[in-house]
Each structure stands twice: as structure tokens, then as C-alpha cells.
N, C-alpha and C. Protein backbone atom coordinates (compact mmCIF):
# COMPACT_ATOMS: atom_id res chain seq x y z
N UNK A 1 5.93 26.83 -4.59
CA UNK A 1 4.66 26.17 -4.82
C UNK A 1 3.56 27.23 -4.75
N UNK A 2 2.75 27.26 -5.76
CA UNK A 2 1.67 28.23 -5.85
C UNK A 2 0.38 27.60 -5.32
N UNK A 3 -0.34 28.35 -4.48
CA UNK A 3 -1.62 27.89 -3.93
C UNK A 3 -2.71 28.83 -4.39
N UNK A 4 -3.70 28.30 -5.11
CA UNK A 4 -4.83 29.08 -5.58
C UNK A 4 -6.08 28.66 -4.82
N UNK A 5 -6.78 29.64 -4.26
CA UNK A 5 -8.01 29.38 -3.50
C UNK A 5 -9.20 29.87 -4.32
N UNK A 6 -10.13 28.96 -4.57
CA UNK A 6 -11.34 29.28 -5.32
C UNK A 6 -12.55 28.99 -4.42
N UNK A 7 -13.55 29.86 -4.48
CA UNK A 7 -14.76 29.66 -3.69
C UNK A 7 -15.99 29.72 -4.59
N UNK A 8 -17.07 29.08 -4.13
CA UNK A 8 -18.31 29.21 -4.87
C UNK A 8 -18.99 30.52 -4.45
N UNK A 9 -20.16 30.78 -4.97
CA UNK A 9 -20.83 32.07 -4.72
C UNK A 9 -21.35 32.21 -3.29
N UNK A 10 -21.39 31.10 -2.53
CA UNK A 10 -21.93 31.17 -1.18
C UNK A 10 -20.87 31.48 -0.12
N UNK A 11 -19.60 31.49 -0.50
CA UNK A 11 -18.51 31.77 0.44
C UNK A 11 -17.80 33.03 0.01
N UNK A 12 -17.66 33.96 0.94
CA UNK A 12 -16.95 35.20 0.66
C UNK A 12 -15.46 34.95 0.75
N UNK A 13 -14.76 35.16 -0.36
CA UNK A 13 -13.31 34.96 -0.39
C UNK A 13 -12.64 36.26 0.04
N UNK A 14 -11.89 36.21 1.13
CA UNK A 14 -11.19 37.40 1.62
C UNK A 14 -9.76 37.02 1.96
N UNK A 15 -8.95 38.02 2.23
CA UNK A 15 -7.53 37.82 2.48
C UNK A 15 -7.28 36.88 3.65
N UNK A 16 -8.06 37.00 4.71
CA UNK A 16 -7.90 36.14 5.88
C UNK A 16 -8.11 34.67 5.56
N UNK A 17 -9.07 34.39 4.69
CA UNK A 17 -9.33 33.01 4.29
C UNK A 17 -8.16 32.46 3.46
N UNK A 18 -7.68 33.27 2.53
CA UNK A 18 -6.53 32.86 1.71
C UNK A 18 -5.31 32.57 2.59
N UNK A 19 -5.06 33.43 3.57
CA UNK A 19 -3.91 33.25 4.46
C UNK A 19 -4.08 32.00 5.32
N UNK A 20 -5.30 31.74 5.79
CA UNK A 20 -5.55 30.55 6.59
C UNK A 20 -5.28 29.29 5.77
N UNK A 21 -5.80 29.24 4.55
CA UNK A 21 -5.59 28.08 3.68
C UNK A 21 -4.10 27.90 3.42
N UNK A 22 -3.41 28.98 3.11
CA UNK A 22 -1.97 28.91 2.83
C UNK A 22 -1.20 28.38 4.03
N UNK A 23 -1.49 28.88 5.22
CA UNK A 23 -0.79 28.46 6.44
C UNK A 23 -1.03 26.98 6.74
N UNK A 24 -2.29 26.56 6.72
CA UNK A 24 -2.63 25.17 7.04
C UNK A 24 -2.03 24.22 6.00
N UNK A 25 -2.13 24.59 4.74
CA UNK A 25 -1.65 23.73 3.67
C UNK A 25 -0.13 23.60 3.68
N UNK A 26 0.57 24.69 3.86
CA UNK A 26 2.04 24.64 3.90
C UNK A 26 2.54 23.85 5.11
N UNK A 27 1.82 23.95 6.24
CA UNK A 27 2.20 23.17 7.41
C UNK A 27 2.02 21.67 7.15
N UNK A 28 0.99 21.31 6.41
CA UNK A 28 0.69 19.90 6.16
C UNK A 28 1.56 19.30 5.07
N UNK A 29 1.80 20.04 3.97
CA UNK A 29 2.49 19.44 2.82
C UNK A 29 3.76 20.17 2.42
N UNK A 30 4.28 21.01 3.28
CA UNK A 30 5.49 21.76 2.95
C UNK A 30 6.67 20.90 2.58
N UNK A 31 6.76 19.71 3.17
CA UNK A 31 7.90 18.84 2.88
C UNK A 31 7.86 18.25 1.48
N UNK A 32 6.72 18.37 0.79
CA UNK A 32 6.60 17.85 -0.57
C UNK A 32 6.77 18.93 -1.64
N UNK A 33 7.17 20.13 -1.24
CA UNK A 33 7.26 21.25 -2.19
C UNK A 33 8.11 20.96 -3.41
N UNK A 34 9.18 20.18 -3.25
CA UNK A 34 10.05 19.87 -4.38
C UNK A 34 9.36 19.04 -5.45
N UNK A 35 8.31 18.34 -5.09
CA UNK A 35 7.58 17.49 -6.03
C UNK A 35 6.39 18.19 -6.67
N UNK A 36 5.96 19.34 -6.11
CA UNK A 36 4.72 19.98 -6.54
C UNK A 36 4.96 21.27 -7.31
N UNK A 37 4.08 21.52 -8.27
CA UNK A 37 4.10 22.81 -8.97
C UNK A 37 3.06 23.75 -8.40
N UNK A 38 1.98 23.20 -7.84
CA UNK A 38 0.94 24.05 -7.27
C UNK A 38 -0.19 23.24 -6.70
N UNK A 39 -1.06 23.94 -5.95
CA UNK A 39 -2.22 23.30 -5.35
C UNK A 39 -3.44 24.18 -5.61
N UNK A 40 -4.51 23.57 -6.11
CA UNK A 40 -5.78 24.25 -6.30
C UNK A 40 -6.69 23.87 -5.15
N UNK A 41 -7.28 24.85 -4.50
CA UNK A 41 -8.20 24.61 -3.38
C UNK A 41 -9.56 25.16 -3.78
N UNK A 42 -10.58 24.32 -3.68
CA UNK A 42 -11.95 24.72 -4.01
C UNK A 42 -12.80 24.59 -2.75
N UNK A 43 -13.39 25.70 -2.31
CA UNK A 43 -14.23 25.73 -1.11
C UNK A 43 -15.68 25.92 -1.50
N UNK A 44 -16.56 25.11 -0.90
CA UNK A 44 -17.98 25.21 -1.22
C UNK A 44 -18.81 25.11 0.05
N UNK A 45 -20.00 25.67 0.00
CA UNK A 45 -20.99 25.51 1.05
C UNK A 45 -22.27 25.07 0.34
N UNK A 46 -22.45 23.78 0.26
CA UNK A 46 -23.54 23.21 -0.53
C UNK A 46 -24.91 23.38 0.09
N UNK A 47 -24.97 23.59 1.41
CA UNK A 47 -26.26 23.63 2.10
C UNK A 47 -26.54 24.99 2.74
N UNK A 48 -26.02 26.06 2.18
CA UNK A 48 -26.19 27.36 2.82
C UNK A 48 -27.66 27.74 2.97
N UNK A 49 -28.44 27.49 1.94
CA UNK A 49 -29.85 27.85 1.99
C UNK A 49 -30.62 26.92 2.92
N UNK A 50 -30.18 25.68 3.06
CA UNK A 50 -30.90 24.68 3.84
C UNK A 50 -30.54 24.71 5.32
N UNK A 51 -29.44 25.34 5.70
CA UNK A 51 -28.96 25.38 7.07
C UNK A 51 -28.72 23.97 7.63
N UNK A 52 -28.27 23.07 6.78
CA UNK A 52 -28.01 21.70 7.21
C UNK A 52 -26.54 21.53 7.58
N UNK A 53 -26.26 20.53 8.40
CA UNK A 53 -24.89 20.26 8.82
C UNK A 53 -24.12 19.57 7.71
N UNK A 54 -22.80 19.75 7.73
CA UNK A 54 -21.92 19.03 6.82
C UNK A 54 -21.89 19.58 5.42
N UNK A 55 -22.33 20.81 5.22
CA UNK A 55 -22.39 21.35 3.88
C UNK A 55 -21.12 22.00 3.39
N UNK A 56 -20.15 22.22 4.27
CA UNK A 56 -18.90 22.86 3.86
C UNK A 56 -17.97 21.82 3.28
N UNK A 57 -17.55 22.08 2.05
CA UNK A 57 -16.66 21.13 1.37
C UNK A 57 -15.36 21.80 0.98
N UNK A 58 -14.30 21.00 0.99
CA UNK A 58 -12.99 21.48 0.57
C UNK A 58 -12.37 20.41 -0.32
N UNK A 59 -12.07 20.78 -1.55
CA UNK A 59 -11.40 19.90 -2.49
C UNK A 59 -10.03 20.47 -2.77
N UNK A 60 -9.00 19.63 -2.67
CA UNK A 60 -7.63 20.06 -2.94
C UNK A 60 -7.05 19.19 -4.03
N UNK A 61 -6.41 19.86 -4.99
CA UNK A 61 -5.77 19.16 -6.11
C UNK A 61 -4.31 19.58 -6.16
N UNK A 62 -3.44 18.65 -5.82
CA UNK A 62 -1.99 18.91 -5.84
C UNK A 62 -1.44 18.47 -7.18
N UNK A 63 -0.78 19.38 -7.87
CA UNK A 63 -0.21 19.08 -9.18
C UNK A 63 1.26 18.70 -9.01
N UNK A 64 1.56 17.45 -9.37
CA UNK A 64 2.91 16.93 -9.22
C UNK A 64 3.68 17.07 -10.53
N UNK A 65 4.97 17.31 -10.42
CA UNK A 65 5.83 17.44 -11.60
C UNK A 65 5.90 16.10 -12.34
N UNK A 66 5.39 16.08 -13.57
CA UNK A 66 5.49 14.91 -14.42
C UNK A 66 4.52 13.79 -14.13
N UNK A 67 3.57 13.97 -13.22
CA UNK A 67 2.63 12.92 -12.86
C UNK A 67 1.21 13.47 -12.80
N UNK A 68 0.26 12.58 -12.66
CA UNK A 68 -1.14 12.97 -12.55
C UNK A 68 -1.37 13.71 -11.23
N UNK A 69 -2.32 14.65 -11.19
CA UNK A 69 -2.62 15.35 -9.94
C UNK A 69 -3.19 14.40 -8.88
N UNK A 70 -2.99 14.77 -7.63
CA UNK A 70 -3.55 14.02 -6.50
C UNK A 70 -4.70 14.87 -5.95
N UNK A 71 -5.90 14.30 -5.85
CA UNK A 71 -7.09 15.05 -5.44
C UNK A 71 -7.70 14.42 -4.19
N UNK A 72 -8.05 15.28 -3.22
CA UNK A 72 -8.74 14.83 -2.00
C UNK A 72 -9.92 15.75 -1.76
N UNK A 73 -10.89 15.26 -0.96
CA UNK A 73 -12.08 16.05 -0.67
C UNK A 73 -12.51 15.78 0.77
N UNK A 74 -13.05 16.81 1.43
CA UNK A 74 -13.57 16.63 2.78
C UNK A 74 -14.82 17.48 2.97
N UNK A 75 -15.78 16.95 3.72
CA UNK A 75 -16.99 17.66 4.14
C UNK A 75 -16.95 17.84 5.64
N UNK A 76 -17.42 18.98 6.11
CA UNK A 76 -17.48 19.22 7.55
C UNK A 76 -18.51 20.30 7.82
N UNK A 77 -18.91 20.42 9.09
CA UNK A 77 -19.85 21.46 9.47
C UNK A 77 -19.17 22.83 9.49
N UNK A 78 -17.87 22.85 9.74
CA UNK A 78 -17.11 24.10 9.83
C UNK A 78 -16.13 24.17 8.66
N UNK A 79 -16.07 25.29 7.98
CA UNK A 79 -15.20 25.45 6.82
C UNK A 79 -13.74 25.28 7.19
N UNK A 80 -13.32 25.86 8.31
CA UNK A 80 -11.91 25.75 8.73
C UNK A 80 -11.55 24.30 9.06
N UNK A 81 -12.47 23.57 9.64
CA UNK A 81 -12.22 22.15 9.94
C UNK A 81 -12.12 21.35 8.64
N UNK A 82 -12.93 21.70 7.68
CA UNK A 82 -12.89 21.03 6.39
C UNK A 82 -11.54 21.26 5.70
N UNK A 83 -11.02 22.47 5.80
CA UNK A 83 -9.71 22.80 5.22
C UNK A 83 -8.62 21.99 5.91
N UNK A 84 -8.67 21.92 7.23
CA UNK A 84 -7.68 21.17 8.00
C UNK A 84 -7.72 19.68 7.66
N UNK A 85 -8.93 19.12 7.62
CA UNK A 85 -9.08 17.69 7.31
C UNK A 85 -8.59 17.36 5.89
N UNK A 86 -8.94 18.21 4.93
CA UNK A 86 -8.50 17.98 3.55
C UNK A 86 -6.98 18.09 3.44
N UNK A 87 -6.38 19.01 4.18
CA UNK A 87 -4.92 19.15 4.17
C UNK A 87 -4.25 17.89 4.71
N UNK A 88 -4.81 17.32 5.77
CA UNK A 88 -4.27 16.08 6.32
C UNK A 88 -4.41 14.92 5.35
N UNK A 89 -5.57 14.85 4.69
CA UNK A 89 -5.78 13.80 3.69
C UNK A 89 -4.80 13.95 2.54
N UNK A 90 -4.56 15.20 2.12
CA UNK A 90 -3.64 15.44 1.02
C UNK A 90 -2.22 15.04 1.41
N UNK A 91 -1.82 15.34 2.63
CA UNK A 91 -0.48 14.95 3.10
C UNK A 91 -0.31 13.43 3.06
N UNK A 92 -1.33 12.70 3.54
CA UNK A 92 -1.26 11.23 3.51
C UNK A 92 -1.23 10.70 2.08
N UNK A 93 -2.04 11.29 1.21
CA UNK A 93 -2.09 10.84 -0.19
C UNK A 93 -0.76 11.11 -0.89
N UNK A 94 -0.18 12.28 -0.66
CA UNK A 94 1.12 12.59 -1.27
C UNK A 94 2.22 11.70 -0.72
N UNK A 95 2.19 11.44 0.58
CA UNK A 95 3.18 10.57 1.19
C UNK A 95 3.12 9.18 0.55
N UNK A 96 1.93 8.68 0.36
CA UNK A 96 1.75 7.37 -0.25
C UNK A 96 2.20 7.37 -1.71
N UNK A 97 1.75 8.36 -2.47
CA UNK A 97 2.06 8.43 -3.90
C UNK A 97 3.55 8.61 -4.13
N UNK A 98 4.16 9.54 -3.44
CA UNK A 98 5.59 9.81 -3.63
C UNK A 98 6.41 8.63 -3.11
N UNK A 99 5.96 8.00 -2.03
CA UNK A 99 6.65 6.82 -1.52
C UNK A 99 6.65 5.69 -2.53
N UNK A 100 5.51 5.48 -3.18
CA UNK A 100 5.44 4.43 -4.21
C UNK A 100 6.34 4.75 -5.39
N UNK A 101 6.37 6.02 -5.79
CA UNK A 101 7.23 6.40 -6.91
C UNK A 101 8.70 6.21 -6.56
N UNK A 102 9.08 6.55 -5.34
CA UNK A 102 10.47 6.36 -4.92
C UNK A 102 10.82 4.88 -4.80
N UNK A 103 9.88 4.07 -4.35
CA UNK A 103 10.13 2.63 -4.23
C UNK A 103 10.34 1.97 -5.58
N UNK A 104 9.66 2.46 -6.60
CA UNK A 104 9.82 1.89 -7.94
C UNK A 104 11.26 1.99 -8.41
N UNK A 105 11.91 3.09 -8.09
CA UNK A 105 13.29 3.30 -8.52
C UNK A 105 14.29 2.50 -7.72
N UNK A 106 13.94 2.07 -6.52
CA UNK A 106 14.88 1.35 -5.66
C UNK A 106 14.87 -0.16 -5.85
N UNK A 107 13.74 -0.68 -6.25
CA UNK A 107 13.61 -2.13 -6.33
C UNK A 107 13.81 -2.61 -7.75
N UNK A 108 14.56 -3.69 -7.86
CA UNK A 108 14.74 -4.33 -9.16
C UNK A 108 13.83 -5.55 -9.19
N UNK A 109 13.45 -5.93 -10.37
CA UNK A 109 12.63 -7.13 -10.51
C UNK A 109 13.47 -8.34 -10.15
N UNK A 110 12.90 -9.29 -9.43
CA UNK A 110 13.68 -10.48 -9.07
C UNK A 110 14.03 -11.26 -10.33
N UNK A 111 15.22 -11.88 -10.33
CA UNK A 111 15.60 -12.64 -11.53
C UNK A 111 14.68 -13.83 -11.73
N UNK A 112 14.39 -14.11 -12.97
CA UNK A 112 13.54 -15.24 -13.30
C UNK A 112 14.44 -16.44 -13.52
N UNK A 113 14.25 -17.47 -12.72
CA UNK A 113 15.05 -18.68 -12.86
C UNK A 113 14.44 -19.56 -13.94
N UNK A 114 15.30 -20.35 -14.54
CA UNK A 114 14.83 -21.25 -15.58
C UNK A 114 13.90 -22.29 -14.96
N UNK A 115 12.77 -22.47 -15.59
CA UNK A 115 11.80 -23.45 -15.12
C UNK A 115 12.15 -24.79 -15.75
N UNK A 116 12.35 -25.81 -14.94
CA UNK A 116 12.70 -27.13 -15.53
C UNK A 116 11.55 -27.65 -16.38
N UNK A 117 11.92 -28.35 -17.41
CA UNK A 117 10.93 -28.94 -18.31
C UNK A 117 10.13 -30.00 -17.54
N UNK A 118 8.83 -29.94 -17.63
CA UNK A 118 7.97 -30.84 -16.86
C UNK A 118 8.18 -32.30 -17.25
N UNK A 119 8.41 -32.57 -18.54
CA UNK A 119 8.58 -33.95 -18.98
C UNK A 119 9.90 -34.53 -18.49
N UNK A 120 10.99 -33.76 -18.57
CA UNK A 120 12.29 -34.28 -18.15
C UNK A 120 12.36 -34.45 -16.65
N UNK A 121 11.58 -33.67 -15.92
CA UNK A 121 11.60 -33.76 -14.47
C UNK A 121 10.98 -35.09 -13.96
N UNK A 122 10.04 -35.60 -14.71
CA UNK A 122 9.37 -36.83 -14.28
C UNK A 122 9.87 -38.06 -15.06
N UNK A 123 10.96 -37.88 -15.80
CA UNK A 123 11.53 -38.95 -16.60
C UNK A 123 10.50 -39.54 -17.56
N UNK A 124 9.72 -38.68 -18.13
CA UNK A 124 8.72 -39.12 -19.11
C UNK A 124 9.23 -38.79 -20.51
N UNK A 125 8.85 -39.56 -21.44
CA UNK A 125 9.19 -39.29 -22.83
C UNK A 125 7.92 -38.95 -23.57
N UNK A 126 8.07 -38.18 -24.58
CA UNK A 126 6.88 -37.78 -25.32
C UNK A 126 6.74 -38.62 -26.58
N UNK A 127 5.57 -39.07 -26.84
CA UNK A 127 5.21 -39.72 -28.10
C UNK A 127 5.68 -41.15 -28.25
N UNK A 128 6.20 -41.87 -27.31
CA UNK A 128 6.68 -43.23 -27.56
C UNK A 128 5.78 -44.28 -27.02
């Protein structure tokens, strides 16, 4: 599974950040590796100039084999906390999505029983 880390111009992308994202993400979603081709991670600091809280954002997009990508987002005051929270959200989303896909293959549609004719059930005749 390939993990790509992208940052906006307000966050310095360095080797330590890439390693942190890789470690946290693999710990959270490593069990889903067989279903995934890769994960895109986008890190932003929307309020750097304003010095406001909650400006660090982390968006993760997990690309599943043969299915639509699963995308989650988290905001936090700390970038590392935002990465951790988004990883947890992604694990829950993948667990739900993959669980639903697996359930589809296990369950068969219940057989449709013949519905009795409403007129014959009440001993009514039509048109007489």
C-alpha cells in the first residue's frame, strides 16, 4: 500500500512528518492493506496567519480496489492529533465499508412467496 503525503504552503513537509503519518496510518488501517491500493494524505493549516485554534486539517483518501475511494477529514489544534483522529476515522469508515461489501456476498435475498389473490381469499367474484 502506497501512502502519499501532501501539504499546503503553510506546512513544511519533512522526512519526520512523512514517517509519522506512515506509522500512525499503518497502525490504524494495516489490516485493510489487501483491499487498498494507496492512501492520499492532505495536511493543511488554514489559520496560520490568524493564530486561531482548530486550523490544522487532515484529509485522508483511501483508494479501494474496484470501488469508490473512502474519504475522511479532521480538524484539530495540533497537526499530529489531527493525523491521529483522521486515521481513526478512516479505520472506522473502512471497517464499515468493507463489512457491508462482505455482507452483500454472504446474504441471499429471501424467497418471495406467492401472494394469494385478494378476490379468491375473500370468496368474492368479479363482475357478477
